[in-house]
Amino acid sequence: MHRDVRTIVLVIGLALIVGTIGCGEPESLMGPSAASDPVPAVPAAAPVLAPERIDPSTLKPTTTYTIGFSSLRENRASFTSYTESGFDVSVVAADWMSLTTYGNPLPFIEFYGPAGITTTGELRITARNAPFWLNGIDFYSSTTKIPYVIDGFLNGEQMFSVADVIGNTFGAFARRSNPKADTPVQEIRVRLSNPSAACCGNPMGVDNIVVSR
């Protein structure tokens, strides 16, 4: 009887030993598997190439265009950007709108200055990074003088800055030639100050942007 009990205990013990060996240790005790996949390498970013510089001494205009906003059809519609003859006109500052009932000839674009507040309106003119020349612009104001600044840029550098004040035109357009019309640019910024009187608001705008390329 005692011999049979010892035999049973021995058999159970051997079974436990064999089971432990077969199962192995838990993964949490063994650590991560040496056969796990390596982390893939992140490819290096491609270098950013600087735009090719333009040599102004090699440039000469051949054709003149007038950006007259002739494609605008909806009166008092919000104006944010416009393309004509390969030139892009976009708004930088102020809320501009299209006017199809007035212009030189109609239509044209304007922004509004509330009474007693000087509002700055700004436009950006480009030819999709190609060089061009600004010859002149028609400016408009209903009841105020027209202070304006025109900045020209080439190769990311400012080439000129023209500032002037046009006397009150009483609702007429005043054409101003660019004294730096012989200087090629890739970008033009036109900035207008609208000094509305205390009594009433004032519309101010531009038409007939004359450019060459």
N, C-alpha and C. Protein backbone atom coordinates (compact mmCIF):
# COMPACT_ATOMS: atom_id res chain seq x y z
N MET A 1 0.84 -1.20 0.00
CA MET A 1 0.00 0.00 0.00
C MET A 1 0.86 1.24 0.00
N HIS A 2 1.83 1.37 0.86
CA HIS A 2 2.71 2.50 0.92
C HIS A 2 3.54 2.61 -0.35
N ARG A 3 3.91 1.47 -0.90
CA ARG A 3 4.70 1.49 -2.15
C ARG A 3 3.88 2.08 -3.28
N ASP A 4 2.58 1.75 -3.33
CA ASP A 4 1.72 2.29 -4.40
C ASP A 4 1.58 3.81 -4.28
N VAL A 5 1.45 4.31 -3.07
CA VAL A 5 1.32 5.76 -2.85
C VAL A 5 2.59 6.47 -3.30
N ARG A 6 3.77 5.94 -2.95
CA ARG A 6 5.02 6.56 -3.38
C ARG A 6 5.14 6.57 -4.90
N THR A 7 4.65 5.49 -5.51
CA THR A 7 4.70 5.42 -6.98
C THR A 7 3.83 6.50 -7.61
N ILE A 8 2.64 6.71 -7.05
CA ILE A 8 1.71 7.73 -7.59
C ILE A 8 2.30 9.13 -7.43
N VAL A 9 2.88 9.40 -6.25
CA VAL A 9 3.49 10.71 -6.01
C VAL A 9 4.65 10.95 -6.96
N LEU A 10 5.45 9.93 -7.21
CA LEU A 10 6.57 10.05 -8.12
C LEU A 10 6.11 10.37 -9.54
N VAL A 11 5.05 9.68 -9.97
CA VAL A 11 4.52 9.90 -11.33
C VAL A 11 3.99 11.33 -11.48
N ILE A 12 3.27 11.81 -10.46
CA ILE A 12 2.72 13.19 -10.51
C ILE A 12 3.85 14.20 -10.56
N GLY A 13 4.89 13.99 -9.78
CA GLY A 13 6.03 14.91 -9.77
C GLY A 13 6.71 14.98 -11.12
N LEU A 14 6.94 13.82 -11.73
CA LEU A 14 7.55 13.80 -13.05
C LEU A 14 6.69 14.53 -14.08
N ALA A 15 5.37 14.37 -13.98
CA ALA A 15 4.46 15.03 -14.92
C ALA A 15 4.54 16.55 -14.79
N LEU A 16 4.65 17.03 -13.55
CA LEU A 16 4.75 18.49 -13.34
C LEU A 16 6.05 19.04 -13.90
N ILE A 17 7.14 18.28 -13.72
CA ILE A 17 8.44 18.73 -14.26
C ILE A 17 8.42 18.81 -15.77
N VAL A 18 7.85 17.76 -16.41
CA VAL A 18 7.77 17.73 -17.88
C VAL A 18 6.90 18.86 -18.40
N GLY A 19 5.78 19.15 -17.73
CA GLY A 19 4.88 20.24 -18.15
C GLY A 19 5.54 21.59 -18.06
N THR A 20 6.35 21.80 -17.01
CA THR A 20 7.04 23.09 -16.86
C THR A 20 8.05 23.30 -17.96
N ILE A 21 8.78 22.27 -18.28
CA ILE A 21 9.78 22.36 -19.35
C ILE A 21 9.12 22.62 -20.68
N GLY A 22 7.99 21.97 -20.94
CA GLY A 22 7.31 22.13 -22.24
C GLY A 22 6.73 23.52 -22.42
N CYS A 23 6.20 24.08 -21.34
CA CYS A 23 5.55 25.39 -21.47
C CYS A 23 6.55 26.53 -21.56
N GLY A 24 7.72 26.39 -20.95
CA GLY A 24 8.71 27.46 -20.96
C GLY A 24 8.31 28.58 -20.03
N GLU A 25 9.15 29.62 -19.97
CA GLU A 25 8.88 30.75 -19.10
C GLU A 25 7.93 31.73 -19.79
N PRO A 26 7.15 32.49 -19.03
CA PRO A 26 6.27 33.51 -19.62
C PRO A 26 7.10 34.54 -20.38
N GLU A 27 6.48 35.12 -21.43
CA GLU A 27 7.19 36.09 -22.27
C GLU A 27 7.62 37.31 -21.48
N SER A 28 6.79 37.67 -20.45
CA SER A 28 7.12 38.86 -19.67
C SER A 28 8.42 38.67 -18.91
N LEU A 29 8.80 37.43 -18.64
CA LEU A 29 10.04 37.18 -17.94
C LEU A 29 11.21 37.01 -18.90
N MET A 30 10.91 36.57 -20.13
CA MET A 30 11.98 36.32 -21.09
C MET A 30 12.41 37.59 -21.83
N GLY A 31 11.57 38.64 -21.84
CA GLY A 31 11.90 39.86 -22.58
C GLY A 31 11.47 39.73 -24.02
N PRO A 32 11.64 40.75 -24.82
CA PRO A 32 11.20 40.74 -26.22
C PRO A 32 11.96 39.73 -27.05
N SER A 33 11.26 39.24 -28.06
CA SER A 33 11.87 38.23 -28.90
C SER A 33 12.98 38.82 -29.74
N ALA A 34 14.06 38.10 -29.87
CA ALA A 34 15.19 38.57 -30.68
C ALA A 34 14.84 38.56 -32.15
N ALA A 35 13.74 37.87 -32.53
CA ALA A 35 13.37 37.75 -33.93
C ALA A 35 12.39 38.82 -34.37
N SER A 36 12.09 39.83 -33.50
CA SER A 36 11.12 40.86 -33.87
C SER A 36 11.67 41.70 -35.03
N ASP A 37 10.73 42.25 -35.86
CA ASP A 37 11.12 43.00 -37.06
C ASP A 37 11.82 44.30 -36.67
N PRO A 38 12.88 44.70 -37.39
CA PRO A 38 13.56 45.98 -37.11
C PRO A 38 12.69 47.16 -37.53
N VAL A 39 12.88 48.32 -36.89
CA VAL A 39 12.14 49.53 -37.25
C VAL A 39 12.68 50.06 -38.58
N PRO A 40 11.79 50.28 -39.57
CA PRO A 40 12.29 50.74 -40.87
C PRO A 40 12.89 52.14 -40.78
N ALA A 41 13.92 52.38 -41.56
CA ALA A 41 14.59 53.68 -41.57
C ALA A 41 13.73 54.71 -42.27
N VAL A 42 13.69 55.95 -41.77
CA VAL A 42 12.93 57.04 -42.38
C VAL A 42 13.78 57.66 -43.49
N PRO A 43 13.25 57.70 -44.73
CA PRO A 43 14.06 58.26 -45.82
C PRO A 43 14.33 59.75 -45.60
N ALA A 44 15.48 60.20 -46.01
CA ALA A 44 15.86 61.61 -45.86
C ALA A 44 15.02 62.48 -46.78
N ALA A 45 14.62 63.67 -46.30
CA ALA A 45 13.83 64.59 -47.09
C ALA A 45 14.65 65.14 -48.25
N ALA A 46 13.97 65.34 -49.40
CA ALA A 46 14.67 65.88 -50.56
C ALA A 46 15.05 67.34 -50.29
N PRO A 47 16.20 67.77 -50.73
CA PRO A 47 16.61 69.16 -50.50
C PRO A 47 15.70 70.14 -51.23
N VAL A 48 15.42 71.29 -50.60
CA VAL A 48 14.60 72.32 -51.21
C VAL A 48 15.50 73.22 -52.05
N LEU A 49 15.19 73.29 -53.33
CA LEU A 49 16.02 74.07 -54.24
C LEU A 49 15.52 75.51 -54.29
N ALA A 50 16.43 76.44 -54.20
CA ALA A 50 16.08 77.86 -54.29
C ALA A 50 15.67 78.18 -55.72
N PRO A 51 14.67 79.07 -55.91
CA PRO A 51 14.27 79.43 -57.27
C PRO A 51 15.42 80.08 -58.03
N GLU A 52 15.44 79.83 -59.31
CA GLU A 52 16.51 80.38 -60.14
C GLU A 52 16.43 81.89 -60.19
N ARG A 53 17.55 82.56 -59.97
CA ARG A 53 17.57 84.02 -59.97
C ARG A 53 17.47 84.55 -61.41
N ILE A 54 16.78 85.65 -61.53
CA ILE A 54 16.58 86.28 -62.83
C ILE A 54 17.56 87.44 -62.97
N ASP A 55 18.26 87.48 -64.09
CA ASP A 55 19.18 88.57 -64.38
C ASP A 55 18.42 89.67 -65.11
N PRO A 56 18.15 90.81 -64.45
CA PRO A 56 17.34 91.85 -65.09
C PRO A 56 17.99 92.45 -66.33
N SER A 57 19.30 92.35 -66.44
CA SER A 57 19.98 92.94 -67.59
C SER A 57 19.68 92.20 -68.89
N THR A 58 19.15 90.97 -68.77
CA THR A 58 18.86 90.17 -69.97
C THR A 58 17.40 90.29 -70.40
N LEU A 59 16.61 91.09 -69.70
CA LEU A 59 15.17 91.15 -69.94
C LEU A 59 14.78 92.35 -70.78
N LYS A 60 13.76 92.15 -71.60
CA LYS A 60 13.23 93.23 -72.42
C LYS A 60 11.76 92.96 -72.70
N PRO A 61 10.86 93.93 -72.44
CA PRO A 61 9.43 93.70 -72.69
C PRO A 61 9.12 93.67 -74.18
N THR A 62 8.13 92.87 -74.54
CA THR A 62 7.74 92.77 -75.95
C THR A 62 6.26 93.08 -76.18
N THR A 63 5.41 92.87 -75.16
CA THR A 63 3.97 93.06 -75.33
C THR A 63 3.39 93.77 -74.12
N THR A 64 2.44 94.67 -74.36
CA THR A 64 1.78 95.40 -73.29
C THR A 64 0.33 94.93 -73.14
N TYR A 65 -0.09 94.78 -71.90
CA TYR A 65 -1.45 94.33 -71.59
C TYR A 65 -2.11 95.33 -70.63
N THR A 66 -3.43 95.40 -70.68
CA THR A 66 -4.19 96.18 -69.73
C THR A 66 -5.14 95.27 -68.97
N ILE A 67 -4.93 95.17 -67.67
CA ILE A 67 -5.83 94.37 -66.82
C ILE A 67 -7.01 95.27 -66.48
N GLY A 68 -8.13 95.07 -67.18
CA GLY A 68 -9.30 95.92 -67.03
C GLY A 68 -10.46 95.27 -66.32
N PHE A 69 -10.26 94.04 -65.80
CA PHE A 69 -11.28 93.32 -65.03
C PHE A 69 -12.54 93.07 -65.86
N SER A 70 -12.36 92.89 -67.16
CA SER A 70 -13.49 92.77 -68.08
C SER A 70 -14.32 91.51 -67.87
N SER A 71 -13.77 90.50 -67.19
CA SER A 71 -14.52 89.25 -66.98
C SER A 71 -15.44 89.30 -65.78
N LEU A 72 -15.38 90.35 -64.99
CA LEU A 72 -16.26 90.45 -63.82
C LEU A 72 -17.68 90.71 -64.27
N ARG A 73 -18.62 89.93 -63.76
CA ARG A 73 -20.01 90.01 -64.21
C ARG A 73 -21.00 90.34 -63.10
N GLU A 74 -20.67 90.04 -61.86
CA GLU A 74 -21.64 90.21 -60.77
C GLU A 74 -21.33 91.49 -59.99
N ASN A 75 -22.29 92.39 -59.97
CA ASN A 75 -22.08 93.67 -59.29
C ASN A 75 -22.02 93.49 -57.78
N ARG A 76 -21.06 94.15 -57.17
CA ARG A 76 -20.83 94.14 -55.72
C ARG A 76 -20.53 92.74 -55.17
N ALA A 77 -20.03 91.87 -56.03
CA ALA A 77 -19.60 90.55 -55.56
C ALA A 77 -18.24 90.67 -54.89
N SER A 78 -17.99 89.83 -53.90
CA SER A 78 -16.70 89.83 -53.20
C SER A 78 -15.58 89.53 -54.19
N PHE A 79 -14.51 90.30 -54.12
CA PHE A 79 -13.37 90.13 -55.01
C PHE A 79 -12.17 89.69 -54.18
N THR A 80 -11.63 88.52 -54.50
CA THR A 80 -10.46 88.02 -53.78
C THR A 80 -9.28 87.75 -54.71
N SER A 81 -9.55 87.27 -55.92
CA SER A 81 -8.48 87.01 -56.89
C SER A 81 -9.04 87.04 -58.29
N TYR A 82 -8.16 87.29 -59.24
CA TYR A 82 -8.60 87.47 -60.62
C TYR A 82 -7.42 87.23 -61.54
N THR A 83 -7.67 86.61 -62.71
CA THR A 83 -6.63 86.34 -63.69
C THR A 83 -7.03 86.90 -65.05
N GLU A 84 -6.11 87.61 -65.66
CA GLU A 84 -6.35 88.17 -66.99
C GLU A 84 -5.03 88.29 -67.72
N SER A 85 -4.99 87.78 -68.96
CA SER A 85 -3.79 87.87 -69.82
C SER A 85 -2.56 87.27 -69.16
N GLY A 86 -2.75 86.23 -68.33
CA GLY A 86 -1.62 85.58 -67.67
C GLY A 86 -1.14 86.27 -66.42
N PHE A 87 -1.83 87.31 -65.98
CA PHE A 87 -1.47 88.03 -64.75
C PHE A 87 -2.50 87.72 -63.67
N ASP A 88 -2.03 87.59 -62.44
CA ASP A 88 -2.91 87.31 -61.30
C ASP A 88 -2.97 88.52 -60.39
N VAL A 89 -4.19 88.93 -60.06
CA VAL A 89 -4.42 90.02 -59.11
C VAL A 89 -5.12 89.43 -57.90
N SER A 90 -4.54 89.58 -56.71
CA SER A 90 -5.13 89.01 -55.50
C SER A 90 -5.16 90.05 -54.39
N VAL A 91 -6.12 89.88 -53.48
CA VAL A 91 -6.29 90.82 -52.38
C VAL A 91 -5.36 90.45 -51.24
N VAL A 92 -4.70 91.46 -50.68
CA VAL A 92 -3.85 91.29 -49.50
C VAL A 92 -4.53 91.86 -48.26
N ALA A 93 -5.18 93.03 -48.42
CA ALA A 93 -5.83 93.67 -47.27
C ALA A 93 -7.09 94.39 -47.72
N ALA A 94 -8.09 94.43 -46.84
CA ALA A 94 -9.40 95.07 -47.01
C ALA A 94 -10.35 94.12 -47.75
N ASP A 95 -11.62 94.46 -47.71
CA ASP A 95 -12.67 93.69 -48.39
C ASP A 95 -12.99 94.39 -49.71
N TRP A 96 -12.47 93.84 -50.79
CA TRP A 96 -12.68 94.40 -52.11
C TRP A 96 -13.91 93.79 -52.76
N MET A 97 -14.50 94.52 -53.70
CA MET A 97 -15.66 94.02 -54.43
C MET A 97 -15.59 94.47 -55.89
N SER A 98 -16.34 93.78 -56.74
CA SER A 98 -16.42 94.16 -58.15
C SER A 98 -17.57 95.13 -58.36
N LEU A 99 -17.35 96.13 -59.20
CA LEU A 99 -18.39 97.09 -59.56
C LEU A 99 -18.61 97.01 -61.07
N THR A 100 -19.76 96.51 -61.48
CA THR A 100 -20.05 96.39 -62.91
C THR A 100 -20.88 97.55 -63.43
N THR A 101 -21.21 98.50 -62.55
CA THR A 101 -22.00 99.67 -62.95
C THR A 101 -21.15 100.92 -63.10
N TYR A 102 -19.84 100.80 -62.87
CA TYR A 102 -18.95 101.96 -62.96
C TYR A 102 -17.55 101.46 -63.29
N GLY A 103 -16.74 102.33 -63.86
CA GLY A 103 -15.38 101.96 -64.21
C GLY A 103 -14.83 102.93 -65.24
N ASN A 104 -13.66 102.58 -65.82
CA ASN A 104 -13.01 103.48 -66.78
C ASN A 104 -12.42 102.69 -67.96
N PRO A 105 -13.22 101.97 -68.76
CA PRO A 105 -14.67 101.82 -68.64
C PRO A 105 -15.03 100.75 -67.61
N LEU A 106 -16.34 100.54 -67.39
CA LEU A 106 -16.75 99.52 -66.42
C LEU A 106 -16.35 98.14 -66.92
N PRO A 107 -16.09 97.20 -65.99
CA PRO A 107 -16.18 97.30 -64.53
C PRO A 107 -14.84 97.73 -63.91
N PHE A 108 -14.82 97.79 -62.57
CA PHE A 108 -13.56 97.99 -61.86
C PHE A 108 -13.72 97.39 -60.46
N ILE A 109 -12.69 97.49 -59.61
CA ILE A 109 -12.76 96.92 -58.27
C ILE A 109 -12.52 98.02 -57.24
N GLU A 110 -13.18 97.89 -56.07
CA GLU A 110 -13.05 98.91 -55.03
C GLU A 110 -13.18 98.28 -53.65
N PHE A 111 -12.79 99.05 -52.62
CA PHE A 111 -13.05 98.67 -51.24
C PHE A 111 -13.64 99.88 -50.53
N TYR A 112 -14.29 99.67 -49.41
CA TYR A 112 -15.05 100.72 -48.75
C TYR A 112 -14.42 101.06 -47.42
N GLY A 113 -14.31 102.37 -47.14
CA GLY A 113 -13.80 102.83 -45.86
C GLY A 113 -14.93 103.41 -45.03
N PRO A 114 -15.20 102.88 -43.84
CA PRO A 114 -16.27 103.42 -42.99
C PRO A 114 -15.98 104.86 -42.58
N ALA A 115 -17.04 105.58 -42.23
CA ALA A 115 -16.91 107.00 -41.87
C ALA A 115 -15.95 107.20 -40.72
N GLY A 116 -15.06 108.19 -40.89
CA GLY A 116 -14.14 108.57 -39.83
C GLY A 116 -12.98 107.61 -39.60
N ILE A 117 -12.81 106.63 -40.45
CA ILE A 117 -11.76 105.63 -40.26
C ILE A 117 -10.90 105.56 -41.53
N THR A 118 -9.58 105.53 -41.36
CA THR A 118 -8.69 105.33 -42.50
C THR A 118 -8.47 103.84 -42.70
N THR A 119 -8.89 103.35 -43.84
CA THR A 119 -8.80 101.92 -44.15
C THR A 119 -7.74 101.70 -45.22
N THR A 120 -6.91 100.68 -45.03
CA THR A 120 -5.85 100.36 -46.00
C THR A 120 -6.29 99.18 -46.86
N GLY A 121 -6.25 99.37 -48.16
CA GLY A 121 -6.53 98.29 -49.11
C GLY A 121 -5.26 97.96 -49.88
N GLU A 122 -5.00 96.68 -50.08
CA GLU A 122 -3.76 96.28 -50.75
C GLU A 122 -4.02 95.16 -51.74
N LEU A 123 -3.36 95.24 -52.90
CA LEU A 123 -3.44 94.23 -53.95
C LEU A 123 -2.05 93.71 -54.29
N ARG A 124 -2.00 92.47 -54.74
CA ARG A 124 -0.75 91.84 -55.18
C ARG A 124 -0.92 91.43 -56.64
N ILE A 125 0.06 91.77 -57.47
CA ILE A 125 0.01 91.46 -58.90
C ILE A 125 1.24 90.63 -59.25
N THR A 126 1.02 89.48 -59.88
CA THR A 126 2.13 88.62 -60.31
C THR A 126 1.83 88.06 -61.70
N ALA A 127 2.85 87.48 -62.30
CA ALA A 127 2.71 86.80 -63.59
C ALA A 127 3.20 85.36 -63.44
N ARG A 128 2.84 84.74 -62.31
CA ARG A 128 3.20 83.35 -62.02
C ARG A 128 4.72 83.17 -62.03
N ASN A 129 5.37 84.08 -61.33
CA ASN A 129 6.82 84.10 -61.10
C ASN A 129 7.62 84.56 -62.31
N ALA A 130 6.96 84.87 -63.41
CA ALA A 130 7.68 85.39 -64.57
C ALA A 130 7.92 86.88 -64.40
N PRO A 131 8.98 87.43 -64.97
CA PRO A 131 9.24 88.87 -64.86
C PRO A 131 8.28 89.67 -65.72
N PHE A 132 7.96 90.90 -65.28
CA PHE A 132 7.12 91.80 -66.06
C PHE A 132 7.42 93.23 -65.63
N TRP A 133 6.75 94.18 -66.26
CA TRP A 133 6.96 95.60 -65.99
C TRP A 133 5.60 96.25 -65.71
N LEU A 134 5.54 97.11 -64.71
CA LEU A 134 4.32 97.87 -64.42
C LEU A 134 4.46 99.26 -65.04
N ASN A 135 3.51 99.61 -65.91
CA ASN A 135 3.55 100.90 -66.59
C ASN A 135 2.69 101.96 -65.91
N GLY A 136 1.51 101.57 -65.42
CA GLY A 136 0.65 102.56 -64.80
C GLY A 136 -0.65 101.95 -64.29
N ILE A 137 -1.40 102.72 -63.50
CA ILE A 137 -2.65 102.27 -62.89
C ILE A 137 -3.62 103.46 -62.85
N ASP A 138 -4.91 103.18 -63.03
CA ASP A 138 -5.95 104.17 -62.81
C ASP A 138 -6.46 104.05 -61.38
N PHE A 139 -6.45 105.15 -60.63
CA PHE A 139 -6.92 105.16 -59.25
C PHE A 139 -8.24 105.92 -59.16
N TYR A 140 -9.06 105.52 -58.17
CA TYR A 140 -10.39 106.14 -58.01
C TYR A 140 -10.69 106.36 -56.54
N SER A 141 -11.35 107.48 -56.25
CA SER A 141 -11.93 107.73 -54.94
C SER A 141 -13.14 108.63 -55.13
N SER A 142 -14.15 108.44 -54.30
CA SER A 142 -15.37 109.23 -54.44
C SER A 142 -15.23 110.62 -53.84
N THR A 143 -14.79 110.71 -52.58
CA THR A 143 -14.82 112.00 -51.88
C THR A 143 -13.49 112.39 -51.22
N THR A 144 -12.45 111.60 -51.37
CA THR A 144 -11.20 111.87 -50.65
C THR A 144 -10.00 111.93 -51.59
N LYS A 145 -8.88 112.39 -51.06
CA LYS A 145 -7.61 112.24 -51.75
C LYS A 145 -7.24 110.76 -51.82
N ILE A 146 -6.22 110.45 -52.61
CA ILE A 146 -5.83 109.04 -52.80
C ILE A 146 -4.35 108.88 -52.49
N PRO A 147 -4.00 108.60 -51.25
CA PRO A 147 -2.60 108.26 -50.93
C PRO A 147 -2.31 106.82 -51.37
N TYR A 148 -1.22 106.61 -52.10
CA TYR A 148 -0.91 105.26 -52.56
C TYR A 148 0.59 104.99 -52.49
N VAL A 149 0.91 103.69 -52.41
CA VAL A 149 2.30 103.21 -52.44
C VAL A 149 2.34 102.02 -53.39
N ILE A 150 3.36 102.00 -54.26
CA ILE A 150 3.57 100.87 -55.17
C ILE A 150 4.97 100.31 -54.90
N ASP A 151 5.04 99.05 -54.52
CA ASP A 151 6.32 98.37 -54.28
C ASP A 151 6.54 97.30 -55.34
N GLY A 152 7.77 97.21 -55.86
CA GLY A 152 8.11 96.20 -56.84
C GLY A 152 9.22 95.28 -56.33
N PHE A 153 9.10 93.96 -56.61
CA PHE A 153 10.05 92.97 -56.09
C PHE A 153 10.54 92.07 -57.23
N LEU A 154 11.82 91.74 -57.18
CA LEU A 154 12.43 90.79 -58.12
C LEU A 154 13.42 89.93 -57.34
N ASN A 155 13.38 88.61 -57.57
CA ASN A 155 14.26 87.67 -56.86
C ASN A 155 14.12 87.81 -55.34
N GLY A 156 12.91 88.15 -54.88
CA GLY A 156 12.67 88.28 -53.45
C GLY A 156 13.20 89.55 -52.84
N GLU A 157 13.73 90.47 -53.66
CA GLU A 157 14.29 91.72 -53.18
C GLU A 157 13.47 92.90 -53.68
N GLN A 158 13.32 93.91 -52.84
CA GLN A 158 12.57 95.09 -53.25
C GLN A 158 13.40 95.91 -54.23
N MET A 159 12.80 96.19 -55.41
CA MET A 159 13.50 96.92 -56.46
C MET A 159 13.15 98.41 -56.44
N PHE A 160 11.93 98.74 -56.01
CA PHE A 160 11.55 100.15 -55.92
C PHE A 160 10.33 100.30 -55.02
N SER A 161 10.12 101.52 -54.57
CA SER A 161 8.93 101.90 -53.80
C SER A 161 8.54 103.30 -54.23
N VAL A 162 7.33 103.44 -54.75
CA VAL A 162 6.82 104.72 -55.24
C VAL A 162 5.64 105.13 -54.37
N ALA A 163 5.67 106.33 -53.82
CA ALA A 163 4.59 106.83 -52.96
C ALA A 163 4.16 108.21 -53.44
N ASP A 164 2.85 108.47 -53.43
CA ASP A 164 2.33 109.76 -53.84
C ASP A 164 0.92 109.92 -53.29
N VAL A 165 0.40 111.14 -53.40
CA VAL A 165 -0.98 111.42 -52.99
C VAL A 165 -1.66 112.15 -54.15
N ILE A 166 -2.75 111.59 -54.65
CA ILE A 166 -3.53 112.22 -55.72
C ILE A 166 -4.62 113.08 -55.08
N GLY A 167 -4.76 114.30 -55.55
CA GLY A 167 -5.79 115.19 -55.02
C GLY A 167 -7.19 114.65 -55.28
N ASN A 168 -8.16 115.21 -54.61
CA ASN A 168 -9.55 114.75 -54.73
C ASN A 168 -10.01 114.80 -56.19
N THR A 169 -10.43 113.66 -56.71
CA THR A 169 -10.89 113.58 -58.10
C THR A 169 -12.40 113.70 -58.22
N PHE A 170 -13.10 113.78 -57.08
CA PHE A 170 -14.55 113.93 -57.05
C PHE A 170 -15.26 112.85 -57.87
N GLY A 171 -14.81 111.61 -57.67
CA GLY A 171 -15.45 110.47 -58.31
C GLY A 171 -14.91 110.10 -59.67
N ALA A 172 -13.90 110.81 -60.15
CA ALA A 172 -13.28 110.49 -61.43
C ALA A 172 -12.06 109.60 -61.22
N PHE A 173 -11.58 109.00 -62.31
CA PHE A 173 -10.36 108.19 -62.27
C PHE A 173 -9.15 109.06 -62.58
N ALA A 174 -8.03 108.76 -61.93
CA ALA A 174 -6.78 109.47 -62.17
C ALA A 174 -5.71 108.45 -62.55
N ARG A 175 -5.15 108.57 -63.75
CA ARG A 175 -4.11 107.63 -64.20
C ARG A 175 -2.75 108.13 -63.73
N ARG A 176 -1.98 107.21 -63.15
CA ARG A 176 -0.64 107.53 -62.72
C ARG A 176 0.34 106.54 -63.35
N SER A 177 1.35 107.10 -64.03
CA SER A 177 2.40 106.28 -64.62
C SER A 177 3.39 105.88 -63.54
N ASN A 178 4.01 104.74 -63.74
CA ASN A 178 5.03 104.26 -62.81
C ASN A 178 6.38 104.86 -63.21
N PRO A 179 6.99 105.69 -62.37
CA PRO A 179 8.30 106.26 -62.71
C PRO A 179 9.41 105.21 -62.78
N LYS A 180 9.13 104.01 -62.31
CA LYS A 180 10.09 102.91 -62.38
C LYS A 180 9.64 101.86 -63.41
N ALA A 181 8.98 102.32 -64.45
CA ALA A 181 8.42 101.39 -65.45
C ALA A 181 9.49 100.61 -66.20
N ASP A 182 10.75 101.06 -66.15
CA ASP A 182 11.83 100.34 -66.83
C ASP A 182 12.46 99.27 -65.96
N THR A 183 11.93 99.07 -64.75
CA THR A 183 12.49 98.09 -63.82
C THR A 183 11.64 96.82 -63.82
N PRO A 184 12.21 95.67 -64.21
CA PRO A 184 11.43 94.43 -64.21
C PRO A 184 11.18 93.94 -62.79
N VAL A 185 10.04 93.29 -62.60
CA VAL A 185 9.66 92.76 -61.29
C VAL A 185 9.00 91.39 -61.48
N GLN A 186 8.84 90.68 -60.38
CA GLN A 186 8.04 89.46 -60.35
C GLN A 186 6.79 89.63 -59.49
N GLU A 187 6.75 90.71 -58.74
CA GLU A 187 5.61 90.97 -57.86
C GLU A 187 5.46 92.47 -57.67
N ILE A 188 4.20 92.92 -57.72
CA ILE A 188 3.86 94.31 -57.43
C ILE A 188 2.87 94.33 -56.27
N ARG A 189 3.09 95.21 -55.31
CA ARG A 189 2.13 95.45 -54.22
C ARG A 189 1.62 96.89 -54.37
N VAL A 190 0.30 97.03 -54.46
CA VAL A 190 -0.35 98.34 -54.53
C VAL A 190 -1.13 98.56 -53.25
N ARG A 191 -0.76 99.60 -52.50
CA ARG A 191 -1.39 99.85 -51.20
C ARG A 191 -2.05 101.23 -51.21
N LEU A 192 -3.34 101.27 -50.90
CA LEU A 192 -4.12 102.50 -50.89
C LEU A 192 -4.59 102.81 -49.49
N SER A 193 -4.54 104.10 -49.10
CA SER A 193 -5.09 104.53 -47.82
C SER A 193 -6.37 105.31 -48.09
N ASN A 194 -7.45 104.86 -47.48
CA ASN A 194 -8.77 105.44 -47.71
C ASN A 194 -9.18 106.26 -46.49
N PRO A 195 -8.91 107.59 -46.48
CA PRO A 195 -9.17 108.42 -45.30
C PRO A 195 -10.60 108.97 -45.30
N SER A 196 -11.57 108.13 -45.04
CA SER A 196 -12.97 108.54 -45.09
C SER A 196 -13.24 109.70 -44.13
N ALA A 197 -14.09 110.62 -44.58
CA ALA A 197 -14.46 111.77 -43.74
C ALA A 197 -15.33 111.31 -42.59
N ALA A 198 -15.42 112.17 -41.56
CA ALA A 198 -16.19 111.83 -40.36
C ALA A 198 -17.68 111.69 -40.66
N CYS A 199 -18.12 112.36 -41.73
CA CYS A 199 -19.57 112.35 -42.03
C CYS A 199 -20.04 111.09 -42.73
N CYS A 200 -19.13 110.48 -43.50
CA CYS A 200 -19.64 109.42 -44.39
C CYS A 200 -18.51 108.52 -44.87
N GLY A 201 -18.89 107.31 -45.25
CA GLY A 201 -17.91 106.36 -45.78
C GLY A 201 -17.50 106.71 -47.19
N ASN A 202 -16.47 106.03 -47.69
CA ASN A 202 -15.93 106.37 -49.00
C ASN A 202 -15.44 105.12 -49.73
N PRO A 203 -15.84 104.94 -51.01
CA PRO A 203 -15.27 103.87 -51.83
C PRO A 203 -14.00 104.33 -52.53
N MET A 204 -13.03 103.42 -52.65
CA MET A 204 -11.75 103.71 -53.32
C MET A 204 -11.35 102.46 -54.10
N GLY A 205 -10.75 102.64 -55.27
CA GLY A 205 -10.41 101.46 -56.05
C GLY A 205 -9.43 101.71 -57.17
N VAL A 206 -9.27 100.69 -58.04
CA VAL A 206 -8.34 100.77 -59.17
C VAL A 206 -8.97 100.16 -60.41
N ASP A 207 -8.43 100.56 -61.55
CA ASP A 207 -8.83 100.01 -62.84
C ASP A 207 -7.63 100.13 -63.78
N ASN A 208 -7.67 99.41 -64.88
CA ASN A 208 -6.68 99.53 -65.94
C ASN A 208 -5.24 99.48 -65.43
N ILE A 209 -4.85 98.31 -64.93
CA ILE A 209 -3.47 98.08 -64.54
C ILE A 209 -2.69 97.72 -65.80
N VAL A 210 -1.81 98.62 -66.24
CA VAL A 210 -1.09 98.45 -67.51
C VAL A 210 0.27 97.82 -67.24
N VAL A 211 0.51 96.67 -67.84
CA VAL A 211 1.74 95.90 -67.60
C VAL A 211 2.32 95.45 -68.93
N SER A 212 3.62 95.15 -68.93
CA SER A 212 4.30 94.63 -70.11
C SER A 212 5.06 93.39 -69.73
N ARG A 213 5.34 92.58 -70.76
CA ARG A 213 6.06 91.32 -70.50
C ARG A 213 6.77 90.87 -71.76
